[in-house]
Amino acid sequence: MTNWRAVLVGFLVAAVLGVVGLAVPGIGQLAAGLIGGFVAGYLAGGGLARGFWHGLLAGALGGILGGLVIALFVAIAGWAAGPAGGALGGLAGLSILTVAVLVAFVMALESAIAGAIGGLLNPDRPARSTSRDYY
């Protein structure tokens, strides 16, 4: 099960550090993705796979939201050209969103690797509950 709190905290850490990292182009953005993914994986805990998944989601969330905003702007701009422009703008916006989602997941691999390390370093949070009440 996905721990959305861990994903959101990891995303927020990456977003804040990414804004601060604009002062050091390239290195700042890379560090932001790594640290955000690590935080998401550490908070989720439970091992490599669970940390990888949560780091991947935290890293990709920013790209998906950015792509959604760009797609909406393109679709709205198409409405200014009338009905045909609206249809073409909507199609272009959908295409941009699709490409942005794919690119976001590819670029989120650094966050996923850092999340896997974070999940490995936090064994106190099991991936699943080991005890169940059958009564």
N, C-alpha and C. Protein backbone atom coordinates (compact mmCIF):
# COMPACT_ATOMS: atom_id res chain seq x y z
N MET A 1 0.85 -1.17 0.00
CA MET A 1 0.00 0.00 0.00
C MET A 1 0.90 1.24 0.00
N THR A 2 0.52 2.22 -0.76
CA THR A 2 1.30 3.44 -0.88
C THR A 2 1.07 4.35 0.31
N ASN A 3 2.15 4.84 0.89
CA ASN A 3 2.09 5.81 1.97
C ASN A 3 2.14 7.20 1.34
N TRP A 4 0.97 7.78 1.12
CA TRP A 4 0.90 9.06 0.41
C TRP A 4 1.48 10.20 1.22
N ARG A 5 1.51 10.06 2.53
CA ARG A 5 2.14 11.09 3.36
C ARG A 5 3.63 11.14 3.06
N ALA A 6 4.27 9.98 2.96
CA ALA A 6 5.69 9.92 2.65
C ALA A 6 5.96 10.48 1.26
N VAL A 7 5.10 10.18 0.30
CA VAL A 7 5.26 10.69 -1.07
C VAL A 7 5.13 12.21 -1.08
N LEU A 8 4.13 12.73 -0.39
CA LEU A 8 3.91 14.19 -0.37
C LEU A 8 5.06 14.91 0.33
N VAL A 9 5.54 14.37 1.45
CA VAL A 9 6.66 15.00 2.15
C VAL A 9 7.91 14.97 1.27
N GLY A 10 8.17 13.85 0.62
CA GLY A 10 9.32 13.75 -0.28
C GLY A 10 9.22 14.73 -1.44
N PHE A 11 8.02 14.86 -2.00
CA PHE A 11 7.80 15.81 -3.09
C PHE A 11 8.03 17.25 -2.62
N LEU A 12 7.50 17.59 -1.44
CA LEU A 12 7.67 18.95 -0.92
C LEU A 12 9.14 19.26 -0.63
N VAL A 13 9.87 18.29 -0.08
CA VAL A 13 11.30 18.49 0.16
C VAL A 13 12.02 18.73 -1.16
N ALA A 14 11.71 17.92 -2.18
CA ALA A 14 12.35 18.08 -3.48
C ALA A 14 11.97 19.42 -4.12
N ALA A 15 10.72 19.84 -3.96
CA ALA A 15 10.28 21.11 -4.55
C ALA A 15 10.97 22.30 -3.88
N VAL A 16 11.04 22.29 -2.56
CA VAL A 16 11.69 23.40 -1.85
C VAL A 16 13.19 23.43 -2.17
N LEU A 17 13.83 22.28 -2.12
CA LEU A 17 15.26 22.24 -2.43
C LEU A 17 15.51 22.56 -3.91
N GLY A 18 14.56 22.23 -4.78
CA GLY A 18 14.69 22.55 -6.19
C GLY A 18 14.65 24.05 -6.43
N VAL A 19 13.80 24.75 -5.70
CA VAL A 19 13.73 26.21 -5.81
C VAL A 19 15.02 26.83 -5.28
N VAL A 20 15.49 26.33 -4.13
CA VAL A 20 16.75 26.82 -3.57
C VAL A 20 17.91 26.44 -4.50
N GLY A 21 17.82 25.27 -5.12
CA GLY A 21 18.87 24.78 -5.99
C GLY A 21 18.99 25.51 -7.32
N LEU A 22 18.08 26.43 -7.60
CA LEU A 22 18.19 27.22 -8.82
C LEU A 22 19.45 28.08 -8.82
N ALA A 23 20.00 28.35 -7.64
CA ALA A 23 21.24 29.12 -7.54
C ALA A 23 22.42 28.32 -8.07
N VAL A 24 22.34 27.00 -8.03
CA VAL A 24 23.41 26.13 -8.53
C VAL A 24 22.79 25.22 -9.59
N PRO A 25 22.65 25.70 -10.83
CA PRO A 25 21.97 24.91 -11.87
C PRO A 25 22.61 23.53 -12.05
N GLY A 26 21.77 22.56 -12.26
CA GLY A 26 22.23 21.18 -12.48
C GLY A 26 22.47 20.44 -11.19
N ILE A 27 23.44 20.86 -10.42
CA ILE A 27 23.77 20.19 -9.17
C ILE A 27 22.63 20.35 -8.16
N GLY A 28 22.08 21.56 -8.08
CA GLY A 28 20.99 21.83 -7.13
C GLY A 28 19.76 21.00 -7.44
N GLN A 29 19.42 20.85 -8.71
CA GLN A 29 18.26 20.07 -9.10
C GLN A 29 18.48 18.58 -8.86
N LEU A 30 19.68 18.13 -9.14
CA LEU A 30 20.00 16.72 -8.91
C LEU A 30 19.94 16.40 -7.42
N ALA A 31 20.52 17.26 -6.61
CA ALA A 31 20.50 17.03 -5.16
C ALA A 31 19.07 17.07 -4.63
N ALA A 32 18.25 17.96 -5.16
CA ALA A 32 16.86 18.05 -4.71
C ALA A 32 16.11 16.75 -4.98
N GLY A 33 16.29 16.19 -6.16
CA GLY A 33 15.63 14.93 -6.48
C GLY A 33 16.11 13.78 -5.62
N LEU A 34 17.42 13.74 -5.39
CA LEU A 34 17.98 12.67 -4.55
C LEU A 34 17.50 12.77 -3.11
N ILE A 35 17.55 13.96 -2.56
CA ILE A 35 17.15 14.13 -1.15
C ILE A 35 15.65 13.90 -0.98
N GLY A 36 14.84 14.42 -1.91
CA GLY A 36 13.39 14.21 -1.83
C GLY A 36 13.02 12.74 -1.93
N GLY A 37 13.67 12.01 -2.84
CA GLY A 37 13.42 10.58 -2.96
C GLY A 37 13.86 9.82 -1.73
N PHE A 38 15.01 10.20 -1.17
CA PHE A 38 15.49 9.56 0.04
C PHE A 38 14.52 9.76 1.19
N VAL A 39 14.01 10.99 1.34
CA VAL A 39 13.07 11.28 2.43
C VAL A 39 11.80 10.45 2.27
N ALA A 40 11.28 10.36 1.03
CA ALA A 40 10.07 9.57 0.80
C ALA A 40 10.30 8.10 1.12
N GLY A 41 11.44 7.56 0.68
CA GLY A 41 11.74 6.16 0.95
C GLY A 41 11.97 5.89 2.42
N TYR A 42 12.64 6.81 3.10
CA TYR A 42 12.91 6.62 4.52
C TYR A 42 11.62 6.68 5.33
N LEU A 43 10.74 7.63 5.01
CA LEU A 43 9.47 7.72 5.74
C LEU A 43 8.58 6.51 5.49
N ALA A 44 8.61 5.98 4.27
CA ALA A 44 7.80 4.80 3.96
C ALA A 44 8.41 3.56 4.60
N GLY A 45 9.75 3.46 4.58
CA GLY A 45 10.43 2.31 5.17
C GLY A 45 10.04 1.01 4.52
N GLY A 46 10.46 -0.09 5.10
CA GLY A 46 10.03 -1.40 4.63
C GLY A 46 10.91 -2.07 3.61
N GLY A 47 12.06 -1.52 3.27
CA GLY A 47 12.97 -2.20 2.37
C GLY A 47 13.16 -1.50 1.05
N LEU A 48 13.93 -2.18 0.19
CA LEU A 48 14.32 -1.61 -1.10
C LEU A 48 13.13 -1.32 -2.02
N ALA A 49 12.28 -2.30 -2.23
CA ALA A 49 11.18 -2.14 -3.19
C ALA A 49 10.20 -1.07 -2.75
N ARG A 50 9.85 -1.07 -1.50
CA ARG A 50 8.91 -0.06 -1.00
C ARG A 50 9.51 1.33 -1.06
N GLY A 51 10.78 1.46 -0.68
CA GLY A 51 11.46 2.75 -0.77
C GLY A 51 11.59 3.21 -2.21
N PHE A 52 11.90 2.28 -3.13
CA PHE A 52 12.00 2.60 -4.56
C PHE A 52 10.68 3.16 -5.08
N TRP A 53 9.58 2.50 -4.73
CA TRP A 53 8.27 2.92 -5.20
C TRP A 53 7.91 4.32 -4.70
N HIS A 54 8.13 4.56 -3.43
CA HIS A 54 7.77 5.86 -2.86
C HIS A 54 8.69 6.97 -3.37
N GLY A 55 9.97 6.67 -3.56
CA GLY A 55 10.88 7.65 -4.15
C GLY A 55 10.50 7.97 -5.58
N LEU A 56 10.09 6.94 -6.33
CA LEU A 56 9.67 7.14 -7.72
C LEU A 56 8.44 8.05 -7.78
N LEU A 57 7.47 7.79 -6.93
CA LEU A 57 6.27 8.62 -6.93
C LEU A 57 6.55 10.06 -6.52
N ALA A 58 7.39 10.23 -5.51
CA ALA A 58 7.72 11.58 -5.06
C ALA A 58 8.48 12.34 -6.14
N GLY A 59 9.39 11.68 -6.82
CA GLY A 59 10.16 12.34 -7.88
C GLY A 59 9.34 12.66 -9.11
N ALA A 60 8.40 11.80 -9.43
CA ALA A 60 7.59 12.00 -10.64
C ALA A 60 6.44 12.98 -10.43
N LEU A 61 6.04 13.17 -9.19
CA LEU A 61 4.88 14.02 -8.92
C LEU A 61 5.09 15.44 -9.44
N GLY A 62 6.28 15.99 -9.25
CA GLY A 62 6.56 17.34 -9.73
C GLY A 62 6.48 17.44 -11.23
N GLY A 63 7.03 16.47 -11.94
CA GLY A 63 6.96 16.48 -13.40
C GLY A 63 5.55 16.33 -13.92
N ILE A 64 4.77 15.49 -13.25
CA ILE A 64 3.38 15.30 -13.68
C ILE A 64 2.58 16.58 -13.46
N LEU A 65 2.76 17.22 -12.30
CA LEU A 65 2.03 18.47 -12.03
C LEU A 65 2.46 19.58 -12.98
N GLY A 66 3.77 19.65 -13.26
CA GLY A 66 4.26 20.65 -14.22
C GLY A 66 3.70 20.41 -15.61
N GLY A 67 3.68 19.16 -16.04
CA GLY A 67 3.11 18.83 -17.35
C GLY A 67 1.63 19.15 -17.42
N LEU A 68 0.91 18.92 -16.33
CA LEU A 68 -0.52 19.23 -16.29
C LEU A 68 -0.76 20.72 -16.44
N VAL A 69 0.05 21.53 -15.76
CA VAL A 69 -0.10 22.99 -15.86
C VAL A 69 0.18 23.46 -17.29
N ILE A 70 1.25 22.97 -17.91
CA ILE A 70 1.58 23.36 -19.28
C ILE A 70 0.49 22.91 -20.24
N ALA A 71 -0.02 21.70 -20.07
CA ALA A 71 -1.08 21.19 -20.94
C ALA A 71 -2.34 22.04 -20.82
N LEU A 72 -2.68 22.46 -19.61
CA LEU A 72 -3.85 23.32 -19.43
C LEU A 72 -3.68 24.67 -20.10
N PHE A 73 -2.48 25.26 -19.98
CA PHE A 73 -2.22 26.54 -20.64
C PHE A 73 -2.35 26.42 -22.16
N VAL A 74 -1.82 25.35 -22.73
CA VAL A 74 -1.91 25.15 -24.18
C VAL A 74 -3.36 24.95 -24.61
N ALA A 75 -4.12 24.16 -23.84
CA ALA A 75 -5.52 23.93 -24.17
C ALA A 75 -6.34 25.21 -24.08
N ILE A 76 -6.09 26.02 -23.04
CA ILE A 76 -6.83 27.28 -22.89
C ILE A 76 -6.43 28.26 -23.98
N ALA A 77 -5.17 28.31 -24.34
CA ALA A 77 -4.73 29.20 -25.41
C ALA A 77 -5.37 28.82 -26.74
N GLY A 78 -5.65 27.56 -26.94
CA GLY A 78 -6.31 27.12 -28.17
C GLY A 78 -7.73 27.62 -28.29
N TRP A 79 -8.39 27.87 -27.17
CA TRP A 79 -9.76 28.38 -27.21
C TRP A 79 -9.84 29.76 -27.84
N ALA A 80 -8.76 30.52 -27.78
CA ALA A 80 -8.75 31.87 -28.36
C ALA A 80 -8.90 31.82 -29.88
N ALA A 81 -8.60 30.70 -30.50
CA ALA A 81 -8.69 30.56 -31.95
C ALA A 81 -10.03 30.01 -32.41
N GLY A 82 -10.99 29.93 -31.53
CA GLY A 82 -12.31 29.44 -31.91
C GLY A 82 -12.45 27.95 -31.69
N PRO A 83 -13.54 27.38 -32.22
CA PRO A 83 -13.81 25.96 -32.00
C PRO A 83 -12.74 25.03 -32.55
N ALA A 84 -12.25 25.31 -33.75
CA ALA A 84 -11.22 24.45 -34.33
C ALA A 84 -9.92 24.57 -33.53
N GLY A 85 -9.61 25.80 -33.15
CA GLY A 85 -8.40 26.01 -32.33
C GLY A 85 -8.53 25.35 -30.98
N GLY A 86 -9.75 25.36 -30.42
CA GLY A 86 -9.98 24.71 -29.13
C GLY A 86 -9.75 23.21 -29.22
N ALA A 87 -10.23 22.61 -30.30
CA ALA A 87 -10.04 21.17 -30.48
C ALA A 87 -8.56 20.84 -30.67
N LEU A 88 -7.88 21.62 -31.49
CA LEU A 88 -6.45 21.40 -31.71
C LEU A 88 -5.64 21.68 -30.44
N GLY A 89 -6.03 22.74 -29.72
CA GLY A 89 -5.34 23.05 -28.47
C GLY A 89 -5.53 21.95 -27.44
N GLY A 90 -6.74 21.40 -27.36
CA GLY A 90 -7.00 20.31 -26.43
C GLY A 90 -6.19 19.07 -26.78
N LEU A 91 -6.12 18.76 -28.08
CA LEU A 91 -5.33 17.61 -28.53
C LEU A 91 -3.85 17.83 -28.24
N ALA A 92 -3.36 19.04 -28.50
CA ALA A 92 -1.95 19.35 -28.21
C ALA A 92 -1.69 19.28 -26.71
N GLY A 93 -2.62 19.78 -25.91
CA GLY A 93 -2.46 19.73 -24.45
C GLY A 93 -2.41 18.30 -23.94
N LEU A 94 -3.27 17.43 -24.49
CA LEU A 94 -3.26 16.03 -24.09
C LEU A 94 -1.96 15.34 -24.49
N SER A 95 -1.46 15.68 -25.67
CA SER A 95 -0.18 15.11 -26.11
C SER A 95 0.96 15.57 -25.22
N ILE A 96 0.96 16.85 -24.87
CA ILE A 96 2.01 17.38 -23.99
C ILE A 96 1.95 16.70 -22.63
N LEU A 97 0.76 16.51 -22.10
CA LEU A 97 0.61 15.85 -20.80
C LEU A 97 1.13 14.41 -20.84
N THR A 98 0.83 13.70 -21.90
CA THR A 98 1.28 12.31 -22.03
C THR A 98 2.80 12.23 -22.06
N VAL A 99 3.42 13.09 -22.86
CA VAL A 99 4.88 13.10 -22.94
C VAL A 99 5.49 13.52 -21.60
N ALA A 100 4.87 14.50 -20.94
CA ALA A 100 5.38 14.98 -19.65
C ALA A 100 5.33 13.89 -18.60
N VAL A 101 4.28 13.09 -18.60
CA VAL A 101 4.17 11.99 -17.63
C VAL A 101 5.27 10.95 -17.88
N LEU A 102 5.51 10.61 -19.13
CA LEU A 102 6.56 9.63 -19.44
C LEU A 102 7.94 10.17 -19.07
N VAL A 103 8.21 11.42 -19.40
CA VAL A 103 9.51 12.02 -19.07
C VAL A 103 9.67 12.13 -17.55
N ALA A 104 8.59 12.46 -16.86
CA ALA A 104 8.66 12.60 -15.40
C ALA A 104 9.06 11.29 -14.74
N PHE A 105 8.52 10.17 -15.20
CA PHE A 105 8.87 8.89 -14.61
C PHE A 105 10.30 8.48 -14.95
N VAL A 106 10.77 8.82 -16.14
CA VAL A 106 12.16 8.51 -16.48
C VAL A 106 13.10 9.35 -15.63
N MET A 107 12.79 10.64 -15.47
CA MET A 107 13.64 11.52 -14.68
C MET A 107 13.54 11.24 -13.19
N ALA A 108 12.48 10.56 -12.76
CA ALA A 108 12.29 10.26 -11.35
C ALA A 108 13.09 9.04 -10.90
N LEU A 109 13.83 8.43 -11.82
CA LEU A 109 14.61 7.24 -11.45
C LEU A 109 15.67 7.56 -10.40
N GLU A 110 16.24 8.77 -10.45
CA GLU A 110 17.22 9.14 -9.42
C GLU A 110 16.56 9.19 -8.05
N SER A 111 15.35 9.72 -7.99
CA SER A 111 14.61 9.76 -6.72
C SER A 111 14.26 8.35 -6.27
N ALA A 112 13.95 7.49 -7.22
CA ALA A 112 13.59 6.12 -6.87
C ALA A 112 14.78 5.37 -6.28
N ILE A 113 15.96 5.57 -6.85
CA ILE A 113 17.15 4.90 -6.32
C ILE A 113 17.47 5.42 -4.92
N ALA A 114 17.37 6.73 -4.73
CA ALA A 114 17.60 7.30 -3.40
C ALA A 114 16.52 6.81 -2.43
N GLY A 115 15.27 6.67 -2.90
CA GLY A 115 14.19 6.15 -2.07
C GLY A 115 14.44 4.72 -1.64
N ALA A 116 15.02 3.92 -2.54
CA ALA A 116 15.34 2.53 -2.20
C ALA A 116 16.38 2.48 -1.08
N ILE A 117 17.35 3.37 -1.14
CA ILE A 117 18.36 3.43 -0.08
C ILE A 117 17.71 3.88 1.23
N GLY A 118 16.83 4.88 1.14
CA GLY A 118 16.13 5.34 2.33
C GLY A 118 15.26 4.26 2.95
N GLY A 119 14.57 3.50 2.11
CA GLY A 119 13.73 2.40 2.61
C GLY A 119 14.55 1.30 3.26
N LEU A 120 15.73 1.08 2.72
CA LEU A 120 16.62 0.07 3.29
C LEU A 120 17.16 0.50 4.65
N LEU A 121 17.37 1.80 4.82
CA LEU A 121 17.93 2.31 6.07
C LEU A 121 16.90 2.46 7.17
N ASN A 122 15.63 2.26 6.87
CA ASN A 122 14.58 2.38 7.89
C ASN A 122 13.83 1.05 8.01
N PRO A 123 14.41 0.06 8.66
CA PRO A 123 13.73 -1.22 8.79
C PRO A 123 12.64 -1.22 9.86
N ASP A 124 12.53 -0.14 10.63
CA ASP A 124 11.54 -0.09 11.71
C ASP A 124 10.11 0.00 11.20
N ARG A 125 9.93 0.40 9.97
CA ARG A 125 8.59 0.51 9.41
C ARG A 125 8.38 -0.65 8.44
N PRO A 126 7.69 -1.67 8.87
CA PRO A 126 7.48 -2.82 7.98
C PRO A 126 6.55 -2.46 6.83
N ALA A 127 6.74 -3.14 5.72
CA ALA A 127 5.90 -2.89 4.55
C ALA A 127 4.46 -3.28 4.82
N ARG A 128 4.26 -4.34 5.57
CA ARG A 128 2.92 -4.81 5.90
C ARG A 128 2.88 -5.24 7.36
N SER A 129 1.71 -5.25 7.89
CA SER A 129 1.56 -5.71 9.27
C SER A 129 1.76 -7.22 9.32
N THR A 130 2.52 -7.67 10.31
CA THR A 130 2.79 -9.10 10.42
C THR A 130 1.83 -9.82 11.34
N SER A 131 1.07 -9.06 12.12
CA SER A 131 0.12 -9.72 13.02
C SER A 131 -1.31 -9.33 12.63
N ARG A 132 -2.18 -10.29 12.67
CA ARG A 132 -3.58 -10.05 12.31
C ARG A 132 -4.47 -10.64 13.39
N ASP A 133 -5.54 -9.95 13.64
CA ASP A 133 -6.55 -10.47 14.58
C ASP A 133 -7.62 -11.21 13.78
N TYR A 134 -7.82 -12.42 14.11
CA TYR A 134 -8.84 -13.22 13.42
C TYR A 134 -10.11 -13.34 14.24
N TYR A 135 -10.19 -12.67 15.35
CA TYR A 135 -11.36 -12.80 16.22
C TYR A 135 -12.43 -11.83 15.84
